């Protein structure tokens, strides 16, 4: 008998993970980018618009990679690859526009 258990994520679980990972990644990037090493920058309303400009492509990149990897069984490997490669793809897309 195998002692390993395969993690299976539903679409809802995967979506929640994508939203959380995108949010935390963008918060981290804003935290280190402004040089204040604090979240005080979020007091400005304009920063929330910029946050959305980064958040939406990052989230879309994760869903795109997940869709491209749909041939892989619905497991933890697909979700983790989608989270990391999709976030990287989304951030690179936004940075390359500016």
PDB file of N, CA and C in Angstrom:
ATOM      1  N   UNK A   1       0.820  -1.182   0.000  1.00  0.00           N
ATOM      2  CA  UNK A   1       0.000   0.000   0.000  1.00  0.00           C
ATOM      3  C   UNK A   1       0.867   1.249   0.000  1.00  0.00           C
ATOM      4  N   UNK A   2       0.461   2.181  -0.774  1.00  0.00           N
ATOM      5  CA  UNK A   2       1.205   3.432  -0.876  1.00  0.00           C
ATOM      6  C   UNK A   2       0.783   4.388   0.236  1.00  0.00           C
ATOM      7  N   UNK A   3       1.771   4.981   0.874  1.00  0.00           N
ATOM      8  CA  UNK A   3       1.483   5.906   1.974  1.00  0.00           C
ATOM      9  C   UNK A   3       1.273   7.325   1.478  1.00  0.00           C
ATOM     10  N   UNK A   4       1.593   7.578   0.206  1.00  0.00           N
ATOM     11  CA  UNK A   4       1.421   8.935  -0.329  1.00  0.00           C
ATOM     12  C   UNK A   4      -0.010   9.134  -0.778  1.00  0.00           C
ATOM     13  N   UNK A   5      -0.469  10.338  -0.553  1.00  0.00           N
ATOM     14  CA  UNK A   5      -1.829  10.692  -0.949  1.00  0.00           C
ATOM     15  C   UNK A   5      -1.743  11.829  -1.953  1.00  0.00           C
ATOM     16  N   UNK A   6      -2.407  11.676  -3.056  1.00  0.00           N
ATOM     17  CA  UNK A   6      -2.375  12.688  -4.101  1.00  0.00           C
ATOM     18  C   UNK A   6      -3.310  13.831  -3.728  1.00  0.00           C
ATOM     19  N   UNK A   7      -2.777  15.051  -3.800  1.00  0.00           N
ATOM     20  CA  UNK A   7      -3.606  16.222  -3.530  1.00  0.00           C
ATOM     21  C   UNK A   7      -4.412  16.567  -4.768  1.00  0.00           C
ATOM     22  N   UNK A   8      -5.686  16.690  -4.615  1.00  0.00           N
ATOM     23  CA  UNK A   8      -6.550  17.096  -5.712  1.00  0.00           C
ATOM     24  C   UNK A   8      -7.200  18.425  -5.367  1.00  0.00           C
ATOM     25  N   UNK A   9      -7.077  19.363  -6.273  1.00  0.00           N
ATOM     26  CA  UNK A   9      -7.684  20.671  -6.087  1.00  0.00           C
ATOM     27  C   UNK A   9      -8.873  20.810  -7.024  1.00  0.00           C
ATOM     28  N   UNK A  10      -9.972  21.295  -6.501  1.00  0.00           N
ATOM     29  CA  UNK A  10     -11.111  21.603  -7.350  1.00  0.00           C
ATOM     30  C   UNK A  10     -10.865  22.948  -8.015  1.00  0.00           C
ATOM     31  N   UNK A  11     -11.695  23.298  -8.962  1.00  0.00           N
ATOM     32  CA  UNK A  11     -11.570  24.592  -9.639  1.00  0.00           C
ATOM     33  C   UNK A  11     -11.717  25.739  -8.647  1.00  0.00           C
ATOM     34  N   UNK A  12     -12.603  25.573  -7.665  1.00  0.00           N
ATOM     35  CA  UNK A  12     -12.805  26.609  -6.662  1.00  0.00           C
ATOM     36  C   UNK A  12     -11.549  26.768  -5.802  1.00  0.00           C
ATOM     37  N   UNK A  13     -10.973  25.652  -5.372  1.00  0.00           N
ATOM     38  CA  UNK A  13      -9.738  25.699  -4.579  1.00  0.00           C
ATOM     39  C   UNK A  13      -8.618  26.357  -5.369  1.00  0.00           C
ATOM     40  N   UNK A  14      -8.510  25.979  -6.630  1.00  0.00           N
ATOM     41  CA  UNK A  14      -7.474  26.531  -7.495  1.00  0.00           C
ATOM     42  C   UNK A  14      -7.664  28.035  -7.675  1.00  0.00           C
ATOM     43  N   UNK A  15      -8.897  28.466  -7.865  1.00  0.00           N
ATOM     44  CA  UNK A  15      -9.179  29.893  -8.028  1.00  0.00           C
ATOM     45  C   UNK A  15      -8.826  30.684  -6.784  1.00  0.00           C
ATOM     46  N   UNK A  16      -9.150  30.144  -5.624  1.00  0.00           N
ATOM     47  CA  UNK A  16      -8.819  30.813  -4.360  1.00  0.00           C
ATOM     48  C   UNK A  16      -7.306  30.916  -4.192  1.00  0.00           C
ATOM     49  N   UNK A  17      -6.591  29.839  -4.508  1.00  0.00           N
ATOM     50  CA  UNK A  17      -5.133  29.870  -4.423  1.00  0.00           C
ATOM     51  C   UNK A  17      -4.530  30.897  -5.376  1.00  0.00           C
ATOM     52  N   UNK A  18      -5.083  31.003  -6.574  1.00  0.00           N
ATOM     53  CA  UNK A  18      -4.582  31.966  -7.550  1.00  0.00           C
ATOM     54  C   UNK A  18      -4.809  33.401  -7.070  1.00  0.00           C
ATOM     55  N   UNK A  19      -5.975  33.677  -6.527  1.00  0.00           N
ATOM     56  CA  UNK A  19      -6.266  35.029  -6.030  1.00  0.00           C
ATOM     57  C   UNK A  19      -5.356  35.368  -4.854  1.00  0.00           C
ATOM     58  N   UNK A  20      -5.203  34.436  -3.929  1.00  0.00           N
ATOM     59  CA  UNK A  20      -4.344  34.685  -2.764  1.00  0.00           C
ATOM     60  C   UNK A  20      -2.883  34.860  -3.162  1.00  0.00           C
ATOM     61  N   UNK A  21      -2.393  34.005  -4.038  1.00  0.00           N
ATOM     62  CA  UNK A  21      -0.985  34.115  -4.422  1.00  0.00           C
ATOM     63  C   UNK A  21      -0.727  35.390  -5.212  1.00  0.00           C
ATOM     64  N   UNK A  22      -1.653  35.790  -6.063  1.00  0.00           N
ATOM     65  CA  UNK A  22      -1.500  37.053  -6.798  1.00  0.00           C
ATOM     66  C   UNK A  22      -1.509  38.238  -5.840  1.00  0.00           C
ATOM     67  N   UNK A  23      -2.418  38.219  -4.888  1.00  0.00           N
ATOM     68  CA  UNK A  23      -2.514  39.311  -3.924  1.00  0.00           C
ATOM     69  C   UNK A  23      -1.239  39.428  -3.101  1.00  0.00           C
ATOM     70  N   UNK A  24      -0.772  38.315  -2.555  1.00  0.00           N
ATOM     71  CA  UNK A  24       0.434  38.356  -1.730  1.00  0.00           C
ATOM     72  C   UNK A  24       1.666  38.740  -2.532  1.00  0.00           C
ATOM     73  N   UNK A  25       1.755  38.267  -3.765  1.00  0.00           N
ATOM     74  CA  UNK A  25       2.896  38.631  -4.602  1.00  0.00           C
ATOM     75  C   UNK A  25       2.921  40.127  -4.885  1.00  0.00           C
ATOM     76  N   UNK A  26       1.792  40.700  -5.235  1.00  0.00           N
ATOM     77  CA  UNK A  26       1.746  42.129  -5.552  1.00  0.00           C
ATOM     78  C   UNK A  26       1.967  42.959  -4.289  1.00  0.00           C
ATOM     79  N   UNK A  27       1.409  42.543  -3.158  1.00  0.00           N
ATOM     80  CA  UNK A  27       1.700  43.243  -1.897  1.00  0.00           C
ATOM     81  C   UNK A  27       3.194  43.226  -1.603  1.00  0.00           C
ATOM     82  N   UNK A  28       3.839  42.070  -1.801  1.00  0.00           N
ATOM     83  CA  UNK A  28       5.270  41.965  -1.571  1.00  0.00           C
ATOM     84  C   UNK A  28       6.049  42.879  -2.509  1.00  0.00           C
ATOM     85  N   UNK A  29       5.672  42.906  -3.777  1.00  0.00           N
ATOM     86  CA  UNK A  29       6.371  43.768  -4.731  1.00  0.00           C
ATOM     87  C   UNK A  29       6.212  45.244  -4.375  1.00  0.00           C
ATOM     88  N   UNK A  30       5.041  45.646  -3.951  1.00  0.00           N
ATOM     89  CA  UNK A  30       4.839  47.028  -3.527  1.00  0.00           C
ATOM     90  C   UNK A  30       5.619  47.319  -2.243  1.00  0.00           C
ATOM     91  N   UNK A  31       5.708  46.341  -1.356  1.00  0.00           N
ATOM     92  CA  UNK A  31       6.423  46.513  -0.096  1.00  0.00           C
ATOM     93  C   UNK A  31       7.906  46.790  -0.338  1.00  0.00           C
ATOM     94  N   UNK A  32       8.521  46.044  -1.236  1.00  0.00           N
ATOM     95  CA  UNK A  32       9.954  46.214  -1.461  1.00  0.00           C
ATOM     96  C   UNK A  32      10.267  47.294  -2.482  1.00  0.00           C
ATOM     97  N   UNK A  33       9.324  47.657  -3.328  1.00  0.00           N
ATOM     98  CA  UNK A  33       9.600  48.579  -4.424  1.00  0.00           C
ATOM     99  C   UNK A  33       9.698  50.032  -3.974  1.00  0.00           C
ATOM    100  N   UNK A  34       8.856  50.458  -3.085  1.00  0.00           N
ATOM    101  CA  UNK A  34       8.799  51.866  -2.713  1.00  0.00           C
ATOM    102  C   UNK A  34       9.926  52.301  -1.796  1.00  0.00           C
ATOM    103  N   UNK A  35      10.646  51.389  -1.207  1.00  0.00           N
ATOM    104  CA  UNK A  35      11.769  51.730  -0.355  1.00  0.00           C
ATOM    105  C   UNK A  35      11.387  52.077   1.069  1.00  0.00           C
ATOM    106  N   UNK A  36      10.101  52.135   1.350  1.00  0.00           N
ATOM    107  CA  UNK A  36       9.662  52.443   2.709  1.00  0.00           C
ATOM    108  C   UNK A  36       9.660  51.205   3.596  1.00  0.00           C
ATOM    109  N   UNK A  37       9.620  50.036   2.973  1.00  0.00           N
ATOM    110  CA  UNK A  37       9.480  48.765   3.674  1.00  0.00           C
ATOM    111  C   UNK A  37       8.287  48.803   4.627  1.00  0.00           C
ATOM    112  N   UNK A  38       7.205  49.336   4.122  1.00  0.00           N
ATOM    113  CA  UNK A  38       5.955  49.360   4.879  1.00  0.00           C
ATOM    114  C   UNK A  38       4.801  49.388   3.878  1.00  0.00           C
ATOM    115  N   UNK A  39       3.620  49.211   4.395  1.00  0.00           N
ATOM    116  CA  UNK A  39       2.430  49.256   3.553  1.00  0.00           C
ATOM    117  C   UNK A  39       1.748  50.616   3.612  1.00  0.00           C
ATOM    118  N   UNK A  40       2.449  51.637   4.085  1.00  0.00           N
ATOM    119  CA  UNK A  40       1.876  52.978   4.182  1.00  0.00           C
ATOM    120  C   UNK A  40       1.533  53.549   2.817  1.00  0.00           C
ATOM    121  N   UNK A  41       2.165  53.028   1.796  1.00  0.00           N
ATOM    122  CA  UNK A  41       1.920  53.520   0.445  1.00  0.00           C
ATOM    123  C   UNK A  41       0.462  53.273   0.019  1.00  0.00           C
ATOM    124  N   UNK A  42      -0.208  52.306   0.636  1.00  0.00           N
ATOM    125  CA  UNK A  42      -1.578  51.978   0.258  1.00  0.00           C
ATOM    126  C   UNK A  42      -2.614  52.968   0.800  1.00  0.00           C
ATOM    127  N   UNK A  43      -2.147  54.007   1.477  1.00  0.00           N
ATOM    128  CA  UNK A  43      -3.071  55.056   1.916  1.00  0.00           C
ATOM    129  C   UNK A  43      -3.544  55.898   0.740  1.00  0.00           C
ATOM    130  N   UNK A  44      -2.762  55.917  -0.316  1.00  0.00           N
ATOM    131  CA  UNK A  44      -3.088  56.690  -1.513  1.00  0.00           C
ATOM    132  C   UNK A  44      -4.050  55.888  -2.396  1.00  0.00           C
ATOM    133  N   UNK A  45      -5.097  56.531  -2.885  1.00  0.00           N
ATOM    134  CA  UNK A  45      -6.094  55.860  -3.728  1.00  0.00           C
ATOM    135  C   UNK A  45      -5.508  55.429  -5.067  1.00  0.00           C
ATOM    136  N   UNK A  46      -4.611  56.224  -5.612  1.00  0.00           N
ATOM    137  CA  UNK A  46      -4.015  55.893  -6.904  1.00  0.00           C
ATOM    138  C   UNK A  46      -3.236  54.583  -6.853  1.00  0.00           C
ATOM    139  N   UNK A  47      -2.642  54.277  -5.727  1.00  0.00           N
ATOM    140  CA  UNK A  47      -1.871  53.038  -5.586  1.00  0.00           C
ATOM    141  C   UNK A  47      -2.772  51.814  -5.766  1.00  0.00           C
ATOM    142  N   UNK A  48      -4.024  51.911  -5.340  1.00  0.00           N
ATOM    143  CA  UNK A  48      -4.943  50.791  -5.517  1.00  0.00           C
ATOM    144  C   UNK A  48      -5.245  50.555  -6.994  1.00  0.00           C
ATOM    145  N   UNK A  49      -5.266  51.616  -7.792  1.00  0.00           N
ATOM    146  CA  UNK A  49      -5.451  51.455  -9.238  1.00  0.00           C
ATOM    147  C   UNK A  49      -4.233  50.765  -9.835  1.00  0.00           C
ATOM    148  N   UNK A  50      -3.046  51.187  -9.419  1.00  0.00           N
ATOM    149  CA  UNK A  50      -1.818  50.550  -9.887  1.00  0.00           C
ATOM    150  C   UNK A  50      -1.778  49.093  -9.426  1.00  0.00           C
ATOM    151  N   UNK A  51      -2.245  48.842  -8.206  1.00  0.00           N
ATOM    152  CA  UNK A  51      -2.322  47.469  -7.692  1.00  0.00           C
ATOM    153  C   UNK A  51      -3.163  46.610  -8.627  1.00  0.00           C
ATOM    154  N   UNK A  52      -4.305  47.117  -9.057  1.00  0.00           N
ATOM    155  CA  UNK A  52      -5.177  46.363  -9.966  1.00  0.00           C
ATOM    156  C   UNK A  52      -4.521  46.148 -11.324  1.00  0.00           C
ATOM    157  N   UNK A  53      -3.731  47.135 -11.778  1.00  0.00           N
ATOM    158  CA  UNK A  53      -3.036  46.996 -13.057  1.00  0.00           C
ATOM    159  C   UNK A  53      -2.042  45.837 -12.997  1.00  0.00           C
ATOM    160  N   UNK A  54      -1.445  45.594 -11.854  1.00  0.00           N
ATOM    161  CA  UNK A  54      -0.542  44.461 -11.688  1.00  0.00           C
ATOM    162  C   UNK A  54      -1.294  43.177 -11.344  1.00  0.00           C
ATOM    163  N   UNK A  55      -2.329  43.289 -10.540  1.00  0.00           N
ATOM    164  CA  UNK A  55      -3.041  42.119 -10.042  1.00  0.00           C
ATOM    165  C   UNK A  55      -3.773  41.365 -11.157  1.00  0.00           C
ATOM    166  N   UNK A  56      -4.471  42.082 -12.006  1.00  0.00           N
ATOM    167  CA  UNK A  56      -5.304  41.434 -13.031  1.00  0.00           C
ATOM    168  C   UNK A  56      -4.466  40.615 -14.021  1.00  0.00           C
ATOM    169  N   UNK A  57      -3.375  41.165 -14.595  1.00  0.00           N
ATOM    170  CA  UNK A  57      -2.577  40.311 -15.489  1.00  0.00           C
ATOM    171  C   UNK A  57      -1.897  39.142 -14.775  1.00  0.00           C
ATOM    172  N   UNK A  58      -1.516  39.332 -13.531  1.00  0.00           N
ATOM    173  CA  UNK A  58      -0.904  38.239 -12.781  1.00  0.00           C
ATOM    174  C   UNK A  58      -1.907  37.111 -12.578  1.00  0.00           C
ATOM    175  N   UNK A  59      -3.107  37.466 -12.204  1.00  0.00           N
ATOM    176  CA  UNK A  59      -4.162  36.468 -12.032  1.00  0.00           C
ATOM    177  C   UNK A  59      -4.517  35.817 -13.365  1.00  0.00           C
ATOM    178  N   UNK A  60      -4.601  36.616 -14.410  1.00  0.00           N
ATOM    179  CA  UNK A  60      -4.918  36.084 -15.738  1.00  0.00           C
ATOM    180  C   UNK A  60      -3.827  35.138 -16.228  1.00  0.00           C
ATOM    181  N   UNK A  61      -2.574  35.465 -15.933  1.00  0.00           N
ATOM    182  CA  UNK A  61      -1.474  34.581 -16.308  1.00  0.00           C
ATOM    183  C   UNK A  61      -1.571  33.236 -15.627  1.00  0.00           C
ATOM    184  N   UNK A  62      -1.975  33.236 -14.373  1.00  0.00           N
ATOM    185  CA  UNK A  62      -2.125  31.979 -13.648  1.00  0.00           C
ATOM    186  C   UNK A  62      -3.243  31.130 -14.245  1.00  0.00           C
ATOM    187  N   UNK A  63      -4.351  31.761 -14.576  1.00  0.00           N
ATOM    188  CA  UNK A  63      -5.455  31.009 -15.184  1.00  0.00           C
ATOM    189  C   UNK A  63      -5.084  30.526 -16.589  1.00  0.00           C
ATOM    190  N   UNK A  64      -4.308  31.326 -17.324  1.00  0.00           N
ATOM    191  CA  UNK A  64      -3.877  30.931 -18.666  1.00  0.00           C
ATOM    192  C   UNK A  64      -2.969  29.708 -18.607  1.00  0.00           C
ATOM    193  N   UNK A  65      -1.989  29.723 -17.723  1.00  0.00           N
ATOM    194  CA  UNK A  65      -1.090  28.571 -17.588  1.00  0.00           C
ATOM    195  C   UNK A  65      -1.875  27.347 -17.120  1.00  0.00           C
ATOM    196  N   UNK A  66      -2.820  27.549 -16.227  1.00  0.00           N
ATOM    197  CA  UNK A  66      -3.648  26.436 -15.766  1.00  0.00           C
ATOM    198  C   UNK A  66      -4.452  25.840 -16.916  1.00  0.00           C
ATOM    199  N   UNK A  67      -4.963  26.701 -17.768  1.00  0.00           N
ATOM    200  CA  UNK A  67      -5.735  26.224 -18.926  1.00  0.00           C
ATOM    201  C   UNK A  67      -4.837  25.483 -19.908  1.00  0.00           C
ATOM    202  N   UNK A  68      -3.612  25.991 -20.101  1.00  0.00           N
ATOM    203  CA  UNK A  68      -2.686  25.327 -21.014  1.00  0.00           C
ATOM    204  C   UNK A  68      -2.236  23.975 -20.469  1.00  0.00           C
ATOM    205  N   UNK A  69      -2.189  23.841 -19.159  1.00  0.00           N
ATOM    206  CA  UNK A  69      -1.795  22.586 -18.532  1.00  0.00           C
ATOM    207  C   UNK A  69      -2.983  21.697 -18.194  1.00  0.00           C
ATOM    208  N   UNK A  70      -4.109  21.942 -18.808  1.00  0.00           N
ATOM    209  CA  UNK A  70      -5.325  21.204 -18.462  1.00  0.00           C
ATOM    210  C   UNK A  70      -5.230  19.719 -18.814  1.00  0.00           C
ATOM    211  N   UNK A  71      -4.257  19.349 -19.643  1.00  0.00           N
ATOM    212  CA  UNK A  71      -4.111  17.934 -19.969  1.00  0.00           C
ATOM    213  C   UNK A  71      -3.509  17.150 -18.808  1.00  0.00           C
ATOM    214  N   UNK A  72      -2.823  17.859 -17.889  1.00  0.00           N
ATOM    215  CA  UNK A  72      -2.259  17.207 -16.712  1.00  0.00           C
ATOM    216  C   UNK A  72      -3.391  16.942 -15.721  1.00  0.00           C
ATOM    217  N   UNK A  73      -3.315  15.828 -15.030  1.00  0.00           N
ATOM    218  CA  UNK A  73      -4.337  15.519 -14.027  1.00  0.00           C
ATOM    219  C   UNK A  73      -4.463  16.650 -13.031  1.00  0.00           C
ATOM    220  N   UNK A  74      -5.651  16.856 -12.534  1.00  0.00           N
ATOM    221  CA  UNK A  74      -5.932  17.927 -11.581  1.00  0.00           C
ATOM    222  C   UNK A  74      -5.274  17.606 -10.248  1.00  0.00           C
ATOM    223  N   UNK A  75      -4.052  18.078 -10.071  1.00  0.00           N
ATOM    224  CA  UNK A  75      -3.326  17.791  -8.847  1.00  0.00           C
ATOM    225  C   UNK A  75      -2.515  18.980  -8.395  1.00  0.00           C
ATOM    226  N   UNK A  76      -1.724  18.758  -7.374  1.00  0.00           N
ATOM    227  CA  UNK A  76      -0.934  19.838  -6.790  1.00  0.00           C
ATOM    228  C   UNK A  76       0.139  20.329  -7.742  1.00  0.00           C
ATOM    229  N   UNK A  77       0.712  19.454  -8.543  1.00  0.00           N
ATOM    230  CA  UNK A  77       1.759  19.854  -9.477  1.00  0.00           C
ATOM    231  C   UNK A  77       1.280  20.871 -10.484  1.00  0.00           C
ATOM    232  N   UNK A  78       0.146  20.637 -11.056  1.00  0.00           N
ATOM    233  CA  UNK A  78      -0.424  21.564 -12.033  1.00  0.00           C
ATOM    234  C   UNK A  78      -0.734  22.905 -11.396  1.00  0.00           C
ATOM    235  N   UNK A  79      -1.283  22.878 -10.213  1.00  0.00           N
ATOM    236  CA  UNK A  79      -1.641  24.116  -9.529  1.00  0.00           C
ATOM    237  C   UNK A  79      -0.404  24.919  -9.156  1.00  0.00           C
ATOM    238  N   UNK A  80       0.621  24.265  -8.640  1.00  0.00           N
ATOM    239  CA  UNK A  80       1.843  24.971  -8.267  1.00  0.00           C
ATOM    240  C   UNK A  80       2.564  25.544  -9.483  1.00  0.00           C
ATOM    241  N   UNK A  81       2.632  24.770 -10.554  1.00  0.00           N
ATOM    242  CA  UNK A  81       3.253  25.276 -11.781  1.00  0.00           C
ATOM    243  C   UNK A  81       2.463  26.465 -12.307  1.00  0.00           C
ATOM    244  N   UNK A  82       1.152  26.377 -12.276  1.00  0.00           N
ATOM    245  CA  UNK A  82       0.304  27.477 -12.745  1.00  0.00           C
ATOM    246  C   UNK A  82       0.492  28.724 -11.889  1.00  0.00           C
ATOM    247  N   UNK A  83       0.625  28.537 -10.577  1.00  0.00           N
ATOM    248  CA  UNK A  83       0.805  29.685  -9.685  1.00  0.00           C
ATOM    249  C   UNK A  83       2.107  30.408  -9.991  1.00  0.00           C
ATOM    250  N   UNK A  84       3.201  29.680 -10.082  1.00  0.00           N
ATOM    251  CA  UNK A  84       4.505  30.314 -10.248  1.00  0.00           C
ATOM    252  C   UNK A  84       4.733  30.826 -11.669  1.00  0.00           C
ATOM    253  N   UNK A  85       4.496  29.982 -12.662  1.00  0.00           N
ATOM    254  CA  UNK A  85       4.724  30.420 -14.043  1.00  0.00           C
ATOM    255  C   UNK A  85       3.719  31.488 -14.469  1.00  0.00           C
ATOM    256  N   UNK A  86       2.492  31.352 -14.038  1.00  0.00           N
ATOM    257  CA  UNK A  86       1.475  32.343 -14.387  1.00  0.00           C
ATOM    258  C   UNK A  86       1.745  33.695 -13.758  1.00  0.00           C
ATOM    259  N   UNK A  87       2.159  33.700 -12.501  1.00  0.00           N
ATOM    260  CA  UNK A  87       2.496  34.960 -11.829  1.00  0.00           C
ATOM    261  C   UNK A  87       3.689  35.619 -12.507  1.00  0.00           C
ATOM    262  N   UNK A  88       4.695  34.819 -12.839  1.00  0.00           N
ATOM    263  CA  UNK A  88       5.869  35.348 -13.530  1.00  0.00           C
ATOM    264  C   UNK A  88       5.477  35.910 -14.897  1.00  0.00           C
ATOM    265  N   UNK A  89       4.669  35.189 -15.626  1.00  0.00           N
ATOM    266  CA  UNK A  89       4.195  35.643 -16.936  1.00  0.00           C
ATOM    267  C   UNK A  89       3.409  36.940 -16.821  1.00  0.00           C
ATOM    268  N   UNK A  90       2.529  37.047 -15.840  1.00  0.00           N
ATOM    269  CA  UNK A  90       1.720  38.247 -15.662  1.00  0.00           C
ATOM    270  C   UNK A  90       2.540  39.460 -15.283  1.00  0.00           C
ATOM    271  N   UNK A  91       3.482  39.293 -14.372  1.00  0.00           N
ATOM    272  CA  UNK A  91       4.319  40.430 -13.944  1.00  0.00           C
ATOM    273  C   UNK A  91       5.220  40.864 -15.093  1.00  0.00           C
ATOM    274  N   UNK A  92       5.782  39.926 -15.818  1.00  0.00           N
ATOM    275  CA  UNK A  92       6.625  40.288 -16.969  1.00  0.00           C
ATOM    276  C   UNK A  92       5.806  41.017 -18.027  1.00  0.00           C
ATOM    277  N   UNK A  93       4.573  40.588 -18.239  1.00  0.00           N
ATOM    278  CA  UNK A  93       3.712  41.262 -19.216  1.00  0.00           C
ATOM    279  C   UNK A  93       3.446  42.707 -18.838  1.00  0.00           C
ATOM    280  N   UNK A  94       3.174  42.964 -17.564  1.00  0.00           N
ATOM    281  CA  UNK A  94       2.900  44.318 -17.122  1.00  0.00           C
ATOM    282  C   UNK A  94       4.162  45.185 -17.183  1.00  0.00           C
ATOM    283  N   UNK A  95       5.280  44.647 -16.720  1.00  0.00           N
ATOM    284  CA  UNK A  95       6.513  45.409 -16.711  1.00  0.00           C
ATOM    285  C   UNK A  95       6.977  45.715 -18.141  1.00  0.00           C
ATOM    286  N   UNK A  96       6.752  44.800 -19.049  1.00  0.00           N
ATOM    287  CA  UNK A  96       7.177  45.032 -20.437  1.00  0.00           C
ATOM    288  C   UNK A  96       6.337  46.096 -21.138  1.00  0.00           C
ATOM    289  N   UNK A  97       5.146  46.365 -20.627  1.00  0.00           N
ATOM    290  CA  UNK A  97       4.306  47.415 -21.214  1.00  0.00           C
ATOM    291  C   UNK A  97       4.792  48.813 -20.862  1.00  0.00           C
ATOM    292  N   UNK A  98       5.478  48.926 -19.747  1.00  0.00           N
ATOM    293  CA  UNK A  98       5.933  50.252 -19.302  1.00  0.00           C
ATOM    294  C   UNK A  98       7.355  50.429 -19.635  1.00  0.00           C
TER     295      UNK A  98
END
